[in-house]
Amino acid sequence: MPKRRSSPKRLPASERKTARRQELNTKRRGELSELAFAHKAASLGFGVAKPLGDSERFDFILISRDWPEGEKLLRIQVKCTASLIRGFYHINTLRHSCGSVIPYQPSEVDFVIVHIIPDDSYFIFPIGDVPTCLALRPKGHPHPGIHEPNREAWHLMRPPK
């Protein structure tokens, strides 16, 4: 009589969550932030397009409507962080190329968006105003940082009123 194989035991829920958390490497975290950004932008009325592949310098094209000349296409680079160190979320807004780090250029990207994962908040930076290294305060901090005007500044991607 053949020996019956026992089915593998299912991990308790707390251990399954830990295993999933460990799978969230930098790339997966970035992909999840891109999905969150696309949802947020679409819910705010922007059209959202994602280039095929990852060869472009930008992650999305947003379609901003209501401009005097019609629709405007904006190239968006999404960065994310969950690293809270000494009261600040830290992030570099550079790209990697051949072992070097290079700032994004206005000819490549129109806006850099920083997604603060734990707060689920977004900092919007026009490419001409984005520092290469950012230290951002958590949402609701009693001493807002110098970049607080960029938090949820979606209006920067819409026509001036």
C-alpha atoms as a PDB file:
ATOM      1  CA  MET A   1       0.000   0.000   0.000  1.00  0.00           C
ATOM      2  CA  PRO A   2       1.551   3.321  -1.066  1.00  0.00           C
ATOM      3  CA  LYS A   3       2.276   5.794   1.650  1.00  0.00           C
ATOM      4  CA  ARG A   4      -0.014   8.801   1.550  1.00  0.00           C
ATOM      5  CA  ARG A   5       1.719  12.141   1.297  1.00  0.00           C
ATOM      6  CA  SER A   6       0.654  14.622   3.883  1.00  0.00           C
ATOM      7  CA  SER A   7      -0.232  18.040   2.602  1.00  0.00           C
ATOM      8  CA  PRO A   8       2.032  20.854   3.751  1.00  0.00           C
ATOM      9  CA  LYS A   9       0.804  22.701   6.797  1.00  0.00           C
ATOM     10  CA  ARG A  10      -0.499  26.152   6.198  1.00  0.00           C
ATOM     11  CA  LEU A  11       1.382  28.872   8.049  1.00  0.00           C
ATOM     12  CA  PRO A  12      -0.501  30.915  10.640  1.00  0.00           C
ATOM     13  CA  ALA A  13      -1.733  34.283   9.321  1.00  0.00           C
ATOM     14  CA  SER A  14       0.907  36.232  11.270  1.00  0.00           C
ATOM     15  CA  GLU A  15       3.716  34.231   9.635  1.00  0.00           C
ATOM     16  CA  ARG A  16       2.163  34.561   6.157  1.00  0.00           C
ATOM     17  CA  LYS A  17       2.122  38.352   6.539  1.00  0.00           C
ATOM     18  CA  THR A  18       5.780  38.308   7.565  1.00  0.00           C
ATOM     19  CA  ALA A  19       6.670  36.185   4.536  1.00  0.00           C
ATOM     20  CA  ARG A  20       4.828  38.629   2.244  1.00  0.00           C
ATOM     21  CA  ARG A  21       6.571  41.594   3.839  1.00  0.00           C
ATOM     22  CA  GLN A  22       9.939  39.996   3.190  1.00  0.00           C
ATOM     23  CA  GLU A  23       9.025  39.656  -0.484  1.00  0.00           C
ATOM     24  CA  LEU A  24       8.563  43.442  -0.745  1.00  0.00           C
ATOM     25  CA  ASN A  25      12.005  44.274  -2.027  1.00  0.00           C
ATOM     26  CA  THR A  26      12.812  47.684  -3.447  1.00  0.00           C
ATOM     27  CA  LYS A  27      11.498  46.837  -6.911  1.00  0.00           C
ATOM     28  CA  ARG A  28       8.173  45.477  -5.630  1.00  0.00           C
ATOM     29  CA  ARG A  29       7.728  48.437  -3.307  1.00  0.00           C
ATOM     30  CA  GLY A  30       8.316  50.748  -6.280  1.00  0.00           C
ATOM     31  CA  GLU A  31       5.777  48.853  -8.391  1.00  0.00           C
ATOM     32  CA  LEU A  32       3.174  49.129  -5.625  1.00  0.00           C
ATOM     33  CA  SER A  33       3.847  52.857  -5.294  1.00  0.00           C
ATOM     34  CA  GLU A  34       3.395  53.268  -9.040  1.00  0.00           C
ATOM     35  CA  LEU A  35       0.024  51.512  -8.819  1.00  0.00           C
ATOM     36  CA  ALA A  36      -1.000  53.711  -5.881  1.00  0.00           C
ATOM     37  CA  PHE A  37       0.074  56.815  -7.804  1.00  0.00           C
ATOM     38  CA  ALA A  38      -1.883  55.778 -10.910  1.00  0.00           C
ATOM     39  CA  HIS A  39      -5.006  55.246  -8.786  1.00  0.00           C
ATOM     40  CA  LYS A  40      -4.609  58.582  -6.997  1.00  0.00           C
ATOM     41  CA  ALA A  41      -3.962  60.534 -10.218  1.00  0.00           C
ATOM     42  CA  ALA A  42      -6.913  58.909 -12.005  1.00  0.00           C
ATOM     43  CA  SER A  43      -9.194  59.605  -9.028  1.00  0.00           C
ATOM     44  CA  LEU A  44      -8.184  63.288  -9.274  1.00  0.00           C
ATOM     45  CA  GLY A  45      -9.293  63.416 -12.908  1.00  0.00           C
ATOM     46  CA  PHE A  46      -5.968  63.019 -14.693  1.00  0.00           C
ATOM     47  CA  GLY A  47      -5.675  60.674 -17.625  1.00  0.00           C
ATOM     48  CA  VAL A  48      -2.973  58.086 -16.908  1.00  0.00           C
ATOM     49  CA  ALA A  49      -0.799  56.281 -19.457  1.00  0.00           C
ATOM     50  CA  LYS A  50       2.039  53.852 -18.744  1.00  0.00           C
ATOM     51  CA  PRO A  51       4.768  53.355 -21.354  1.00  0.00           C
ATOM     52  CA  LEU A  52       5.326  49.817 -22.553  1.00  0.00           C
ATOM     53  CA  GLY A  53       8.544  48.470 -21.020  1.00  0.00           C
ATOM     54  CA  ASP A  54      10.852  50.419 -18.766  1.00  0.00           C
ATOM     55  CA  SER A  55      13.252  52.033 -21.233  1.00  0.00           C
ATOM     56  CA  GLU A  56      11.906  55.569 -20.830  1.00  0.00           C
ATOM     57  CA  ARG A  57      13.175  57.923 -18.145  1.00  0.00           C
ATOM     58  CA  PHE A  58       9.614  58.464 -16.928  1.00  0.00           C
ATOM     59  CA  ASP A  59       7.138  56.048 -15.351  1.00  0.00           C
ATOM     60  CA  PHE A  60       3.867  57.639 -16.518  1.00  0.00           C
ATOM     61  CA  ILE A  61       2.350  60.183 -18.810  1.00  0.00           C
ATOM     62  CA  LEU A  62      -0.407  62.182 -17.153  1.00  0.00           C
ATOM     63  CA  ILE A  63      -3.000  63.868 -19.290  1.00  0.00           C
ATOM     64  CA  SER A  64      -3.831  67.187 -17.698  1.00  0.00           C
ATOM     65  CA  ARG A  65      -7.010  68.701 -19.100  1.00  0.00           C
ATOM     66  CA  ASP A  66      -8.461  72.224 -19.110  1.00  0.00           C
ATOM     67  CA  TRP A  67      -5.321  74.002 -20.354  1.00  0.00           C
ATOM     68  CA  PRO A  68      -6.052  76.950 -22.669  1.00  0.00           C
ATOM     69  CA  GLU A  69      -4.314  75.104 -25.502  1.00  0.00           C
ATOM     70  CA  GLY A  70      -6.156  71.842 -24.728  1.00  0.00           C
ATOM     71  CA  GLU A  71      -4.734  68.767 -23.043  1.00  0.00           C
ATOM     72  CA  LYS A  72      -1.169  68.777 -21.780  1.00  0.00           C
ATOM     73  CA  LEU A  73       0.946  65.613 -21.524  1.00  0.00           C
ATOM     74  CA  LEU A  74       3.240  65.453 -18.494  1.00  0.00           C
ATOM     75  CA  ARG A  75       6.119  62.991 -18.050  1.00  0.00           C
ATOM     76  CA  ILE A  76       6.121  61.688 -14.471  1.00  0.00           C
ATOM     77  CA  GLN A  77       8.860  59.884 -12.551  1.00  0.00           C
ATOM     78  CA  VAL A  78       7.633  58.219  -9.330  1.00  0.00           C
ATOM     79  CA  LYS A  79       9.981  57.650  -6.399  1.00  0.00           C
ATOM     80  CA  CYS A  80       8.983  56.124  -3.073  1.00  0.00           C
ATOM     81  CA  THR A  81      10.310  55.711   0.433  1.00  0.00           C
ATOM     82  CA  ALA A  82       9.343  54.142   3.721  1.00  0.00           C
ATOM     83  CA  SER A  83      12.660  54.880   5.488  1.00  0.00           C
ATOM     84  CA  LEU A  84      11.998  57.093   8.497  1.00  0.00           C
ATOM     85  CA  ILE A  85      15.343  58.129   9.998  1.00  0.00           C
ATOM     86  CA  ARG A  86      15.569  60.712  12.777  1.00  0.00           C
ATOM     87  CA  GLY A  87      12.117  62.067  12.004  1.00  0.00           C
ATOM     88  CA  PHE A  88      12.536  62.374   8.218  1.00  0.00           C
ATOM     89  CA  TYR A  89      11.743  60.219   5.226  1.00  0.00           C
ATOM     90  CA  HIS A  90      14.862  60.154   3.066  1.00  0.00           C
ATOM     91  CA  ILE A  91      14.965  59.700  -0.699  1.00  0.00           C
ATOM     92  CA  ASN A  92      17.316  60.369  -3.574  1.00  0.00           C
ATOM     93  CA  THR A  93      15.709  61.674  -6.740  1.00  0.00           C
ATOM     94  CA  LEU A  94      18.492  60.495  -9.038  1.00  0.00           C
ATOM     95  CA  ARG A  95      18.555  57.775 -11.665  1.00  0.00           C
ATOM     96  CA  HIS A  96      21.177  55.066 -12.054  1.00  0.00           C
ATOM     97  CA  SER A  97      23.118  54.621 -15.273  1.00  0.00           C
ATOM     98  CA  CYS A  98      26.227  52.485 -15.841  1.00  0.00           C
ATOM     99  CA  GLY A  99      27.120  52.499 -12.137  1.00  0.00           C
ATOM    100  CA  SER A 100      26.637  56.264 -11.791  1.00  0.00           C
ATOM    101  CA  VAL A 101      23.844  58.348 -10.344  1.00  0.00           C
ATOM    102  CA  ILE A 102      22.555  61.112 -12.581  1.00  0.00           C
ATOM    103  CA  PRO A 103      19.913  63.789 -11.979  1.00  0.00           C
ATOM    104  CA  TYR A 104      16.836  63.756 -14.189  1.00  0.00           C
ATOM    105  CA  GLN A 105      16.837  66.462 -16.861  1.00  0.00           C
ATOM    106  CA  PRO A 106      13.943  68.682 -18.006  1.00  0.00           C
ATOM    107  CA  SER A 107      14.318  67.068 -21.437  1.00  0.00           C
ATOM    108  CA  GLU A 108      13.476  63.665 -19.836  1.00  0.00           C
ATOM    109  CA  VAL A 109      10.895  64.313 -17.097  1.00  0.00           C
ATOM    110  CA  ASP A 110       8.454  67.091 -16.208  1.00  0.00           C
ATOM    111  CA  PHE A 111       7.695  66.130 -12.581  1.00  0.00           C
ATOM    112  CA  VAL A 112       9.194  63.916  -9.906  1.00  0.00           C
ATOM    113  CA  ILE A 113       6.580  62.542  -7.526  1.00  0.00           C
ATOM    114  CA  VAL A 114       7.689  61.160  -4.156  1.00  0.00           C
ATOM    115  CA  HIS A 115       5.297  58.684  -2.543  1.00  0.00           C
ATOM    116  CA  ILE A 116       5.678  58.393   1.235  1.00  0.00           C
ATOM    117  CA  ILE A 117       4.401  54.860   1.691  1.00  0.00           C
ATOM    118  CA  PRO A 118       3.460  54.830   5.410  1.00  0.00           C
ATOM    119  CA  ASP A 119       1.565  58.147   5.090  1.00  0.00           C
ATOM    120  CA  ASP A 120       0.229  57.372   1.610  1.00  0.00           C
ATOM    121  CA  SER A 121       1.037  60.962   0.726  1.00  0.00           C
ATOM    122  CA  TYR A 122       2.672  62.483  -2.338  1.00  0.00           C
ATOM    123  CA  PHE A 123       5.159  65.296  -2.794  1.00  0.00           C
ATOM    124  CA  ILE A 124       4.950  66.910  -6.240  1.00  0.00           C
ATOM    125  CA  PHE A 125       8.122  68.515  -7.611  1.00  0.00           C
ATOM    126  CA  PRO A 126       8.465  70.203 -11.000  1.00  0.00           C
ATOM    127  CA  ILE A 127      11.739  68.963 -12.466  1.00  0.00           C
ATOM    128  CA  GLY A 128      13.348  72.405 -12.198  1.00  0.00           C
ATOM    129  CA  ASP A 129      12.656  72.528  -8.440  1.00  0.00           C
ATOM    130  CA  VAL A 130      13.498  69.005  -7.286  1.00  0.00           C
ATOM    131  CA  PRO A 131      16.556  68.587  -5.038  1.00  0.00           C
ATOM    132  CA  THR A 132      18.659  65.482  -5.658  1.00  0.00           C
ATOM    133  CA  CYS A 133      18.336  64.380  -2.028  1.00  0.00           C
ATOM    134  CA  LEU A 134      15.227  64.947   0.072  1.00  0.00           C
ATOM    135  CA  ALA A 135      14.411  64.720   3.762  1.00  0.00           C
ATOM    136  CA  LEU A 136      10.627  64.910   4.181  1.00  0.00           C
ATOM    137  CA  ARG A 137       8.611  65.131   7.400  1.00  0.00           C
ATOM    138  CA  PRO A 138       5.788  62.672   8.115  1.00  0.00           C
ATOM    139  CA  LYS A 139       2.216  63.850   7.627  1.00  0.00           C
ATOM    140  CA  GLY A 140       0.920  65.812  10.621  1.00  0.00           C
ATOM    141  CA  HIS A 141       4.358  66.533  12.100  1.00  0.00           C
ATOM    142  CA  PRO A 142       4.212  69.573  14.431  1.00  0.00           C
ATOM    143  CA  HIS A 143       7.166  71.200  12.607  1.00  0.00           C
ATOM    144  CA  PRO A 144       6.467  70.928   8.878  1.00  0.00           C
ATOM    145  CA  GLY A 145       9.544  70.715   6.691  1.00  0.00           C
ATOM    146  CA  ILE A 146      10.639  73.130   3.989  1.00  0.00           C
ATOM    147  CA  HIS A 147       9.033  70.939   1.320  1.00  0.00           C
ATOM    148  CA  GLU A 148       5.583  70.943   2.950  1.00  0.00           C
ATOM    149  CA  PRO A 149       4.164  73.198   0.163  1.00  0.00           C
ATOM    150  CA  ASN A 150       4.933  70.333  -2.247  1.00  0.00           C
ATOM    151  CA  ARG A 151       2.859  67.813  -0.284  1.00  0.00           C
ATOM    152  CA  GLU A 152      -0.239  66.900  -2.312  1.00  0.00           C
ATOM    153  CA  ALA A 153       0.505  69.848  -4.657  1.00  0.00           C
ATOM    154  CA  TRP A 154      -1.468  68.319  -7.521  1.00  0.00           C
ATOM    155  CA  HIS A 155      -2.414  71.822  -8.630  1.00  0.00           C
ATOM    156  CA  LEU A 156       1.123  72.231 -10.020  1.00  0.00           C
ATOM    157  CA  MET A 157       0.114  69.861 -12.836  1.00  0.00           C
ATOM    158  CA  ARG A 158      -3.038  71.802 -13.696  1.00  0.00           C
ATOM    159  CA  PRO A 159      -3.450  75.139 -15.459  1.00  0.00           C
ATOM    160  CA  PRO A 160      -3.044  78.218 -13.256  1.00  0.00           C
ATOM    161  CA  LYS A 161      -6.330  79.822 -12.252  1.00  0.00           C
END
